Amino acid sequence: IEVVLNNTFYNVVDMKNLGLTNDKEVLVPVEAPYGSCACTLGRKKF
């Protein structure tokens, strides 16, 4: 079995200048670059 997970990261929006706190309630996705993790795993007998 091969699995590849292409990651999307989110950053918390800083709302201090708007007079608000933001406890991880409003986030924006990081457009690029993306992270990626991949692994192939198999049975020993195979």
All heavy atoms as atom14 arrays in JSON, in Angstrom:
{
  "sequence": "IEVVLNNTFYNVVDMKNLGLTNDKEVLVPVEAPYGSCACTLGRKKF",
  "atom14_mask": [
    [1, 1, 1, 1, 1, 1, 1, 1, 0, 0, 0, 0, 0, 0],
    [1, 1, 1, 1, 1, 1, 1, 1, 1, 0, 0, 0, 0, 0],
    [1, 1, 1, 1, 1, 1, 1, 0, 0, 0, 0, 0, 0, 0],
    [1, 1, 1, 1, 1, 1, 1, 0, 0, 0, 0, 0, 0, 0],
    [1, 1, 1, 1, 1, 1, 1, 1, 0, 0, 0, 0, 0, 0],
    [1, 1, 1, 1, 1, 1, 1, 1, 0, 0, 0, 0, 0, 0],
    [1, 1, 1, 1, 1, 1, 1, 1, 0, 0, 0, 0, 0, 0],
    [1, 1, 1, 1, 1, 1, 1, 0, 0, 0, 0, 0, 0, 0],
    [1, 1, 1, 1, 1, 1, 1, 1, 1, 1, 1, 0, 0, 0],
    [1, 1, 1, 1, 1, 1, 1, 1, 1, 1, 1, 1, 0, 0],
    [1, 1, 1, 1, 1, 1, 1, 1, 0, 0, 0, 0, 0, 0],
    [1, 1, 1, 1, 1, 1, 1, 0, 0, 0, 0, 0, 0, 0],
    [1, 1, 1, 1, 1, 1, 1, 0, 0, 0, 0, 0, 0, 0],
    [1, 1, 1, 1, 1, 1, 1, 1, 0, 0, 0, 0, 0, 0],
    [1, 1, 1, 1, 1, 1, 1, 1, 0, 0, 0, 0, 0, 0],
    [1, 1, 1, 1, 1, 1, 1, 1, 1, 0, 0, 0, 0, 0],
    [1, 1, 1, 1, 1, 1, 1, 1, 0, 0, 0, 0, 0, 0],
    [1, 1, 1, 1, 1, 1, 1, 1, 0, 0, 0, 0, 0, 0],
    [1, 1, 1, 1, 0, 0, 0, 0, 0, 0, 0, 0, 0, 0],
    [1, 1, 1, 1, 1, 1, 1, 1, 0, 0, 0, 0, 0, 0],
    [1, 1, 1, 1, 1, 1, 1, 0, 0, 0, 0, 0, 0, 0],
    [1, 1, 1, 1, 1, 1, 1, 1, 0, 0, 0, 0, 0, 0],
    [1, 1, 1, 1, 1, 1, 1, 1, 0, 0, 0, 0, 0, 0],
    [1, 1, 1, 1, 1, 1, 1, 1, 1, 0, 0, 0, 0, 0],
    [1, 1, 1, 1, 1, 1, 1, 1, 1, 0, 0, 0, 0, 0],
    [1, 1, 1, 1, 1, 1, 1, 0, 0, 0, 0, 0, 0, 0],
    [1, 1, 1, 1, 1, 1, 1, 1, 0, 0, 0, 0, 0, 0],
    [1, 1, 1, 1, 1, 1, 1, 0, 0, 0, 0, 0, 0, 0],
    [1, 1, 1, 1, 1, 1, 1, 0, 0, 0, 0, 0, 0, 0],
    [1, 1, 1, 1, 1, 1, 1, 0, 0, 0, 0, 0, 0, 0],
    [1, 1, 1, 1, 1, 1, 1, 1, 1, 0, 0, 0, 0, 0],
    [1, 1, 1, 1, 1, 0, 0, 0, 0, 0, 0, 0, 0, 0],
    [1, 1, 1, 1, 1, 1, 1, 0, 0, 0, 0, 0, 0, 0],
    [1, 1, 1, 1, 1, 1, 1, 1, 1, 1, 1, 1, 0, 0],
    [1, 1, 1, 1, 0, 0, 0, 0, 0, 0, 0, 0, 0, 0],
    [1, 1, 1, 1, 1, 1, 0, 0, 0, 0, 0, 0, 0, 0],
    [1, 1, 1, 1, 1, 1, 0, 0, 0, 0, 0, 0, 0, 0],
    [1, 1, 1, 1, 1, 0, 0, 0, 0, 0, 0, 0, 0, 0],
    [1, 1, 1, 1, 1, 1, 0, 0, 0, 0, 0, 0, 0, 0],
    [1, 1, 1, 1, 1, 1, 1, 0, 0, 0, 0, 0, 0, 0],
    [1, 1, 1, 1, 1, 1, 1, 1, 0, 0, 0, 0, 0, 0],
    [1, 1, 1, 1, 0, 0, 0, 0, 0, 0, 0, 0, 0, 0],
    [1, 1, 1, 1, 1, 1, 1, 1, 1, 1, 1, 0, 0, 0],
    [1, 1, 1, 1, 1, 1, 1, 1, 1, 0, 0, 0, 0, 0],
    [1, 1, 1, 1, 1, 1, 1, 1, 1, 0, 0, 0, 0, 0],
    [1, 1, 1, 1, 1, 1, 1, 1, 1, 1, 1, 0, 0, 0]
  ],
  "atom14_positions": [
    [[0.84, -1.19, 0.0], [0.0, 0.0, 0.0], [0.88, 1.25, 0.0], [1.81, 1.37, 0.8], [-0.99, 0.01, 1.18], [-1.85, 1.27, 1.16], [-0.28, -0.17, 2.51], [-3.01, 1.23, 2.12], [0.0, 0.0, 0.0], [0.0, 0.0, 0.0], [0.0, 0.0, 0.0], [0.0, 0.0, 0.0], [0.0, 0.0, 0.0], [0.0, 0.0, 0.0]],
    [[0.58, 2.14, -0.93], [1.28, 3.42, -1.04], [0.31, 4.53, -0.64], [-0.83, 4.56, -1.09], [1.75, 3.65, -2.48], [2.35, 5.03, -2.72], [2.56, 5.32, -4.2], [2.19, 4.47, -5.03], [3.07, 6.42, -4.52], [0.0, 0.0, 0.0], [0.0, 0.0, 0.0], [0.0, 0.0, 0.0], [0.0, 0.0, 0.0], [0.0, 0.0, 0.0]],
    [[0.76, 5.44, 0.22], [-0.05, 6.58, 0.63], [0.76, 7.85, 0.46], [1.92, 7.92, 0.9], [-0.54, 6.45, 2.08], [-1.27, 7.73, 2.52], [-1.45, 5.25, 2.25], [0.0, 0.0, 0.0], [0.0, 0.0, 0.0], [0.0, 0.0, 0.0], [0.0, 0.0, 0.0], [0.0, 0.0, 0.0], [0.0, 0.0, 0.0], [0.0, 0.0, 0.0]],
    [[0.17, 8.84, -0.18], [0.75, 10.17, -0.31], [-0.25, 11.16, 0.28], [-1.43, 11.13, -0.08], [1.04, 10.53, -1.78], [1.65, 11.94, -1.87], [1.96, 9.5, -2.42], [0.0, 0.0, 0.0], [0.0, 0.0, 0.0], [0.0, 0.0, 0.0], [0.0, 0.0, 0.0], [0.0, 0.0, 0.0], [0.0, 0.0, 0.0], [0.0, 0.0, 0.0]],
    [[0.22, 12.0, 1.19], [-0.64, 13.02, 1.79], [-0.04, 14.39, 1.5], [1.01, 14.75, 2.03], [-0.75, 12.79, 3.3], [-1.76, 13.66, 4.05], [-3.16, 13.48, 3.49], [-1.74, 13.33, 5.54], [0.0, 0.0, 0.0], [0.0, 0.0, 0.0], [0.0, 0.0, 0.0], [0.0, 0.0, 0.0], [0.0, 0.0, 0.0], [0.0, 0.0, 0.0]],
    [[-0.68, 15.11, 0.59], [-0.25, 16.47, 0.25], [-0.91, 17.44, 1.22], [-2.14, 17.54, 1.28], [-0.63, 16.8, -1.19], [0.09, 15.91, -2.18], [1.3, 15.73, -2.09], [-0.63, 15.34, -3.13], [0.0, 0.0, 0.0], [0.0, 0.0, 0.0], [0.0, 0.0, 0.0], [0.0, 0.0, 0.0], [0.0, 0.0, 0.0], [0.0, 0.0, 0.0]],
    [[-0.1, 18.15, 1.97], [-0.58, 18.89, 3.13], [-1.03, 20.3, 2.78], [-0.44, 20.98, 1.94], [0.52, 18.99, 4.19], [1.27, 17.69, 4.36], [0.72, 16.62, 4.11], [2.51, 17.76, 4.78], [0.0, 0.0, 0.0], [0.0, 0.0, 0.0], [0.0, 0.0, 0.0], [0.0, 0.0, 0.0], [0.0, 0.0, 0.0], [0.0, 0.0, 0.0]],
    [[-2.06, 20.75, 3.47], [-2.5, 22.14, 3.42], [-2.36, 22.72, 4.82], [-2.9, 22.16, 5.78], [-3.97, 22.26, 2.96], [-4.1, 21.68, 1.66], [-4.4, 23.72, 2.91], [0.0, 0.0, 0.0], [0.0, 0.0, 0.0], [0.0, 0.0, 0.0], [0.0, 0.0, 0.0], [0.0, 0.0, 0.0], [0.0, 0.0, 0.0], [0.0, 0.0, 0.0]],
    [[-1.62, 23.83, 4.94], [-1.4, 24.45, 6.24], [-2.29, 25.69, 6.38], [-2.56, 26.39, 5.4], [0.07, 24.83, 6.4], [0.99, 23.66, 6.33], [1.81, 23.46, 5.22], [1.05, 22.73, 7.35], [2.66, 22.38, 5.14], [1.9, 21.63, 7.28], [2.7, 21.47, 6.18], [0.0, 0.0, 0.0], [0.0, 0.0, 0.0], [0.0, 0.0, 0.0]],
    [[-2.7, 25.97, 7.63], [-3.53, 27.14, 7.93], [-2.84, 28.0, 8.98], [-2.31, 27.48, 9.97], [-4.91, 26.71, 8.45], [-5.81, 26.12, 7.39], [-5.7, 24.77, 7.03], [-6.75, 26.89, 6.73], [-6.53, 24.22, 6.07], [-7.58, 26.35, 5.76], [-7.47, 25.01, 5.44], [-8.28, 24.48, 4.47], [0.0, 0.0, 0.0], [0.0, 0.0, 0.0]],
    [[-2.86, 29.3, 8.77], [-2.32, 30.26, 9.73], [-3.45, 31.06, 10.37], [-4.4, 31.46, 9.68], [-1.33, 31.22, 9.06], [-0.03, 30.52, 8.68], [0.37, 29.54, 9.32], [0.63, 31.02, 7.66], [0.0, 0.0, 0.0], [0.0, 0.0, 0.0], [0.0, 0.0, 0.0], [0.0, 0.0, 0.0], [0.0, 0.0, 0.0], [0.0, 0.0, 0.0]],
    [[-3.32, 31.31, 11.66], [-4.32, 32.11, 12.38], [-4.18, 33.57, 11.96], [-3.07, 34.11, 11.89], [-4.14, 31.97, 13.9], [-5.15, 32.85, 14.64], [-4.3, 30.51, 14.32], [0.0, 0.0, 0.0], [0.0, 0.0, 0.0], [0.0, 0.0, 0.0], [0.0, 0.0, 0.0], [0.0, 0.0, 0.0], [0.0, 0.0, 0.0], [0.0, 0.0, 0.0]],
    [[-5.3, 34.22, 11.67], [-5.3, 35.63, 11.28], [-5.09, 36.49, 12.53], [-5.78, 36.31, 13.54], [-6.62, 36.0, 10.59], [-6.64, 37.49, 10.26], [-6.83, 35.17, 9.34], [0.0, 0.0, 0.0], [0.0, 0.0, 0.0], [0.0, 0.0, 0.0], [0.0, 0.0, 0.0], [0.0, 0.0, 0.0], [0.0, 0.0, 0.0], [0.0, 0.0, 0.0]],
    [[-4.11, 37.43, 12.46], [-3.86, 38.36, 13.56], [-4.88, 39.49, 13.5], [-4.88, 40.29, 12.56], [-2.44, 38.9, 13.44], [-2.05, 39.76, 14.64], [-2.93, 40.02, 15.49], [-0.88, 40.18, 14.71], [0.0, 0.0, 0.0], [0.0, 0.0, 0.0], [0.0, 0.0, 0.0], [0.0, 0.0, 0.0], [0.0, 0.0, 0.0], [0.0, 0.0, 0.0]],
    [[-5.75, 39.57, 14.5], [-6.82, 40.57, 14.51], [-6.63, 41.63, 15.58], [-7.57, 42.37, 15.92], [-8.18, 39.87, 14.71], [-8.61, 39.01, 13.54], [-10.3, 38.43, 13.71], [-10.57, 37.71, 12.09], [0.0, 0.0, 0.0], [0.0, 0.0, 0.0], [0.0, 0.0, 0.0], [0.0, 0.0, 0.0], [0.0, 0.0, 0.0], [0.0, 0.0, 0.0]],
    [[-5.4, 41.74, 16.09], [-5.14, 42.74, 17.14], [-5.41, 44.15, 16.64], [-5.93, 45.0, 17.37], [-3.7, 42.62, 17.63], [-3.42, 41.33, 18.39], [-1.96, 41.25, 18.82], [-1.69, 39.93, 19.54], [-0.24, 39.8, 19.9], [0.0, 0.0, 0.0], [0.0, 0.0, 0.0], [0.0, 0.0, 0.0], [0.0, 0.0, 0.0], [0.0, 0.0, 0.0]],
    [[-5.06, 44.46, 15.4], [-5.29, 45.8, 14.85], [-6.76, 46.11, 14.7], [-7.15, 47.28, 14.53], [-4.6, 45.96, 13.49], [-3.08, 45.91, 13.61], [-2.53, 46.23, 14.68], [-2.41, 45.51, 12.55], [0.0, 0.0, 0.0], [0.0, 0.0, 0.0], [0.0, 0.0, 0.0], [0.0, 0.0, 0.0], [0.0, 0.0, 0.0], [0.0, 0.0, 0.0]],
    [[-7.61, 45.07, 14.74], [-9.05, 45.26, 14.64], [-9.71, 45.27, 16.02], [-10.94, 45.3, 16.13], [-9.68, 44.15, 13.78], [-9.15, 44.05, 12.34], [-9.75, 42.84, 11.65], [-9.48, 45.32, 11.56], [0.0, 0.0, 0.0], [0.0, 0.0, 0.0], [0.0, 0.0, 0.0], [0.0, 0.0, 0.0], [0.0, 0.0, 0.0], [0.0, 0.0, 0.0]],
    [[-8.85, 45.23, 17.06], [-9.36, 45.26, 18.42], [-9.97, 43.95, 18.87], [-10.79, 43.92, 19.79], [0.0, 0.0, 0.0], [0.0, 0.0, 0.0], [0.0, 0.0, 0.0], [0.0, 0.0, 0.0], [0.0, 0.0, 0.0], [0.0, 0.0, 0.0], [0.0, 0.0, 0.0], [0.0, 0.0, 0.0], [0.0, 0.0, 0.0], [0.0, 0.0, 0.0]],
    [[-9.59, 42.84, 18.23], [-10.16, 41.55, 18.55], [-9.06, 40.54, 18.84], [-7.93, 40.66, 18.36], [-11.01, 41.03, 17.38], [-12.22, 41.86, 16.97], [-12.81, 41.31, 15.68], [-13.28, 41.86, 18.07], [0.0, 0.0, 0.0], [0.0, 0.0, 0.0], [0.0, 0.0, 0.0], [0.0, 0.0, 0.0], [0.0, 0.0, 0.0], [0.0, 0.0, 0.0]],
    [[-9.4, 39.56, 19.65], [-8.53, 38.4, 19.8], [-9.04, 37.3, 18.87], [-10.22, 37.26, 18.52], [-8.54, 37.89, 21.24], [-9.87, 37.52, 21.61], [-8.02, 38.95, 22.2], [0.0, 0.0, 0.0], [0.0, 0.0, 0.0], [0.0, 0.0, 0.0], [0.0, 0.0, 0.0], [0.0, 0.0, 0.0], [0.0, 0.0, 0.0], [0.0, 0.0, 0.0]],
    [[-8.15, 36.44, 18.46], [-8.53, 35.37, 17.54], [-7.95, 34.07, 18.06], [-6.79, 33.74, 17.82], [-8.02, 35.66, 16.13], [-8.48, 34.62, 15.12], [-9.36, 33.82, 15.41], [-7.87, 34.61, 13.96], [0.0, 0.0, 0.0], [0.0, 0.0, 0.0], [0.0, 0.0, 0.0], [0.0, 0.0, 0.0], [0.0, 0.0, 0.0], [0.0, 0.0, 0.0]],
    [[-8.76, 33.36, 18.81], [-8.31, 32.11, 19.41], [-8.53, 30.95, 18.42], [-9.37, 30.08, 18.63], [-9.07, 31.86, 20.7], [-8.54, 30.64, 21.46], [-7.38, 30.25, 21.18], [-9.28, 30.09, 22.29], [0.0, 0.0, 0.0], [0.0, 0.0, 0.0], [0.0, 0.0, 0.0], [0.0, 0.0, 0.0], [0.0, 0.0, 0.0], [0.0, 0.0, 0.0]],
    [[-7.76, 30.98, 17.33], [-7.82, 29.93, 16.31], [-9.23, 29.74, 15.76], [-9.69, 28.62, 15.54], [-7.29, 28.61, 16.88], [-5.85, 28.67, 17.34], [-5.38, 27.33, 17.87], [-3.95, 27.41, 18.37], [-3.49, 26.13, 18.95], [0.0, 0.0, 0.0], [0.0, 0.0, 0.0], [0.0, 0.0, 0.0], [0.0, 0.0, 0.0], [0.0, 0.0, 0.0]],
    [[-9.93, 30.87, 15.57], [-11.29, 30.8, 15.04], [-11.36, 31.22, 13.57], [-12.25, 30.77, 12.84], [-12.23, 31.68, 15.88], [-12.38, 31.19, 17.31], [-13.17, 32.15, 18.18], [-13.17, 33.35, 17.87], [-13.77, 31.68, 19.15], [0.0, 0.0, 0.0], [0.0, 0.0, 0.0], [0.0, 0.0, 0.0], [0.0, 0.0, 0.0], [0.0, 0.0, 0.0]],
    [[-10.45, 32.09, 13.15], [-10.38, 32.49, 11.75], [-8.97, 32.23, 11.25], [-8.0, 32.77, 11.8], [-10.75, 33.98, 11.56], [-10.68, 34.35, 10.08], [-12.15, 34.27, 12.11], [0.0, 0.0, 0.0], [0.0, 0.0, 0.0], [0.0, 0.0, 0.0], [0.0, 0.0, 0.0], [0.0, 0.0, 0.0], [0.0, 0.0, 0.0], [0.0, 0.0, 0.0]],
    [[-8.87, 31.39, 10.24], [-7.56, 31.0, 9.7], [-7.58, 31.13, 8.19], [-8.64, 31.11, 7.56], [-7.21, 29.56, 10.09], [-7.24, 29.21, 11.58], [-8.58, 28.6, 11.95], [-6.1, 28.26, 11.95], [0.0, 0.0, 0.0], [0.0, 0.0, 0.0], [0.0, 0.0, 0.0], [0.0, 0.0, 0.0], [0.0, 0.0, 0.0], [0.0, 0.0, 0.0]],
    [[-6.41, 31.25, 7.6], [-6.3, 31.31, 6.15], [-5.33, 30.21, 5.69], [-4.33, 29.93, 6.36], [-5.8, 32.69, 5.65], [-6.83, 33.74, 5.92], [-4.47, 33.05, 6.3], [0.0, 0.0, 0.0], [0.0, 0.0, 0.0], [0.0, 0.0, 0.0], [0.0, 0.0, 0.0], [0.0, 0.0, 0.0], [0.0, 0.0, 0.0], [0.0, 0.0, 0.0]],
    [[-5.64, 29.57, 4.56], [-4.74, 28.54, 4.06], [-3.46, 29.14, 3.5], [-3.47, 30.22, 2.92], [-5.56, 27.87, 2.96], [-6.51, 28.92, 2.51], [-6.84, 29.74, 3.71], [0.0, 0.0, 0.0], [0.0, 0.0, 0.0], [0.0, 0.0, 0.0], [0.0, 0.0, 0.0], [0.0, 0.0, 0.0], [0.0, 0.0, 0.0], [0.0, 0.0, 0.0]],
    [[-2.36, 28.44, 3.69], [-1.08, 28.83, 3.08], [-1.1, 28.36, 1.64], [-1.22, 27.16, 1.36], [0.1, 28.21, 3.85], [1.41, 28.57, 3.17], [0.08, 28.67, 5.3], [0.0, 0.0, 0.0], [0.0, 0.0, 0.0], [0.0, 0.0, 0.0], [0.0, 0.0, 0.0], [0.0, 0.0, 0.0], [0.0, 0.0, 0.0], [0.0, 0.0, 0.0]],
    [[-1.02, 29.29, 0.7], [-1.2, 28.94, -0.72], [-0.07, 28.07, -1.25], [-0.29, 27.12, -2.0], [-1.33, 30.22, -1.56], [-2.57, 31.04, -1.23], [-3.85, 30.29, -1.54], [-3.83, 29.42, -2.43], [-4.88, 30.57, -0.9], [0.0, 0.0, 0.0], [0.0, 0.0, 0.0], [0.0, 0.0, 0.0], [0.0, 0.0, 0.0], [0.0, 0.0, 0.0]],
    [[1.17, 28.4, -0.9], [2.31, 27.63, -1.41], [3.53, 28.02, -0.59], [3.58, 29.11, -0.01], [2.55, 27.95, -2.89], [0.0, 0.0, 0.0], [0.0, 0.0, 0.0], [0.0, 0.0, 0.0], [0.0, 0.0, 0.0], [0.0, 0.0, 0.0], [0.0, 0.0, 0.0], [0.0, 0.0, 0.0], [0.0, 0.0, 0.0], [0.0, 0.0, 0.0]],
    [[4.55, 27.16, -0.51], [4.58, 25.79, -1.06], [3.83, 24.82, -0.17], [3.59, 25.09, 1.0], [6.08, 25.49, -1.07], [6.61, 26.25, 0.1], [5.8, 27.52, 0.15], [0.0, 0.0, 0.0], [0.0, 0.0, 0.0], [0.0, 0.0, 0.0], [0.0, 0.0, 0.0], [0.0, 0.0, 0.0], [0.0, 0.0, 0.0], [0.0, 0.0, 0.0]],
    [[3.48, 23.68, -0.75], [2.78, 22.64, -0.01], [3.78, 21.64, 0.56], [4.83, 21.4, -0.02], [1.8, 21.9, -0.92], [0.72, 22.76, -1.51], [0.77, 23.15, -2.84], [-0.33, 23.19, -0.73], [-0.23, 23.95, -3.39], [-1.34, 23.99, -1.26], [-1.28, 24.37, -2.6], [-2.26, 25.15, -3.11], [0.0, 0.0, 0.0], [0.0, 0.0, 0.0]],
    [[3.4, 21.04, 1.67], [4.17, 19.92, 2.17], [3.62, 18.63, 1.59], [2.5, 18.58, 1.09], [0.0, 0.0, 0.0], [0.0, 0.0, 0.0], [0.0, 0.0, 0.0], [0.0, 0.0, 0.0], [0.0, 0.0, 0.0], [0.0, 0.0, 0.0], [0.0, 0.0, 0.0], [0.0, 0.0, 0.0], [0.0, 0.0, 0.0], [0.0, 0.0, 0.0]],
    [[4.41, 17.57, 1.66], [3.96, 16.28, 1.16], [4.67, 15.17, 1.9], [5.88, 15.24, 2.12], [4.23, 16.16, -0.34], [3.77, 14.92, -0.84], [0.0, 0.0, 0.0], [0.0, 0.0, 0.0], [0.0, 0.0, 0.0], [0.0, 0.0, 0.0], [0.0, 0.0, 0.0], [0.0, 0.0, 0.0], [0.0, 0.0, 0.0], [0.0, 0.0, 0.0]],
    [[3.91, 14.16, 2.3], [4.47, 12.98, 2.95], [4.06, 11.75, 2.15], [2.9, 11.63, 1.75], [3.95, 12.84, 4.38], [4.31, 14.27, 5.43], [0.0, 0.0, 0.0], [0.0, 0.0, 0.0], [0.0, 0.0, 0.0], [0.0, 0.0, 0.0], [0.0, 0.0, 0.0], [0.0, 0.0, 0.0], [0.0, 0.0, 0.0], [0.0, 0.0, 0.0]],
    [[4.99, 10.84, 1.94], [4.7, 9.64, 1.16], [5.4, 8.44, 1.77], [6.51, 8.56, 2.3], [5.13, 9.83, -0.29], [0.0, 0.0, 0.0], [0.0, 0.0, 0.0], [0.0, 0.0, 0.0], [0.0, 0.0, 0.0], [0.0, 0.0, 0.0], [0.0, 0.0, 0.0], [0.0, 0.0, 0.0], [0.0, 0.0, 0.0], [0.0, 0.0, 0.0]],
    [[4.73, 7.3, 1.71], [5.33, 6.07, 2.22], [4.71, 4.88, 1.5], [3.52, 4.88, 1.19], [5.08, 5.95, 3.73], [5.82, 4.49, 4.48], [0.0, 0.0, 0.0], [0.0, 0.0, 0.0], [0.0, 0.0, 0.0], [0.0, 0.0, 0.0], [0.0, 0.0, 0.0], [0.0, 0.0, 0.0], [0.0, 0.0, 0.0], [0.0, 0.0, 0.0]],
    [[5.53, 3.87, 1.23], [5.06, 2.6, 0.68], [5.38, 1.5, 1.67], [6.52, 1.38, 2.13], [5.71, 2.3, -0.68], [5.4, 3.35, -1.6], [5.2, 0.99, -1.25], [0.0, 0.0, 0.0], [0.0, 0.0, 0.0], [0.0, 0.0, 0.0], [0.0, 0.0, 0.0], [0.0, 0.0, 0.0], [0.0, 0.0, 0.0], [0.0, 0.0, 0.0]],
    [[4.37, 0.72, 2.02], [4.51, -0.32, 3.03], [3.95, -1.62, 2.48], [2.91, -1.62, 1.8], [3.75, 0.09, 4.29], [4.04, -0.65, 5.59], [5.47, -0.43, 6.03], [3.09, -0.17, 6.68], [0.0, 0.0, 0.0], [0.0, 0.0, 0.0], [0.0, 0.0, 0.0], [0.0, 0.0, 0.0], [0.0, 0.0, 0.0], [0.0, 0.0, 0.0]],
    [[4.64, -2.72, 2.74], [4.18, -4.0, 2.22], [4.44, -5.14, 3.18], [5.18, -5.0, 4.15], [0.0, 0.0, 0.0], [0.0, 0.0, 0.0], [0.0, 0.0, 0.0], [0.0, 0.0, 0.0], [0.0, 0.0, 0.0], [0.0, 0.0, 0.0], [0.0, 0.0, 0.0], [0.0, 0.0, 0.0], [0.0, 0.0, 0.0], [0.0, 0.0, 0.0]],
    [[3.82, -6.26, 2.87], [4.02, -7.44, 3.69], [5.38, -8.07, 3.37], [5.79, -8.14, 2.21], [2.9, -8.45, 3.44], [1.51, -7.89, 3.72], [0.45, -8.96, 3.58], [-0.88, -8.37, 3.6], [-1.53, -8.02, 4.71], [-0.95, -8.25, 5.89], [-2.73, -7.48, 4.66], [0.0, 0.0, 0.0], [0.0, 0.0, 0.0], [0.0, 0.0, 0.0]],
    [[6.05, -8.57, 4.4], [7.37, -9.15, 4.22], [7.35, -10.32, 3.26], [8.22, -10.47, 2.41], [7.92, -9.59, 5.58], [9.34, -10.11, 5.53], [9.83, -10.5, 6.94], [11.26, -11.03, 6.88], [11.74, -11.42, 8.23], [0.0, 0.0, 0.0], [0.0, 0.0, 0.0], [0.0, 0.0, 0.0], [0.0, 0.0, 0.0], [0.0, 0.0, 0.0]],
    [[6.31, -11.16, 3.36], [6.23, -12.34, 2.5], [6.13, -11.96, 1.04], [6.6, -12.68, 0.17], [5.05, -13.21, 2.9], [3.7, -12.56, 2.72], [2.57, -13.5, 3.13], [1.19, -12.87, 2.9], [0.09, -13.78, 3.27], [0.0, 0.0, 0.0], [0.0, 0.0, 0.0], [0.0, 0.0, 0.0], [0.0, 0.0, 0.0], [0.0, 0.0, 0.0]],
    [[5.52, -10.79, 0.75], [5.37, -10.36, -0.63], [6.73, -9.97, -1.2], [7.09, -10.32, -2.31], [4.41, -9.18, -0.71], [4.15, -8.72, -2.13], [3.19, -9.34, -2.9], [4.88, -7.67, -2.68], [2.95, -8.92, -4.2], [4.64, -7.25, -3.98], [3.69, -7.88, -4.74], [0.0, 0.0, 0.0], [0.0, 0.0, 0.0], [0.0, 0.0, 0.0]]
  ]
}
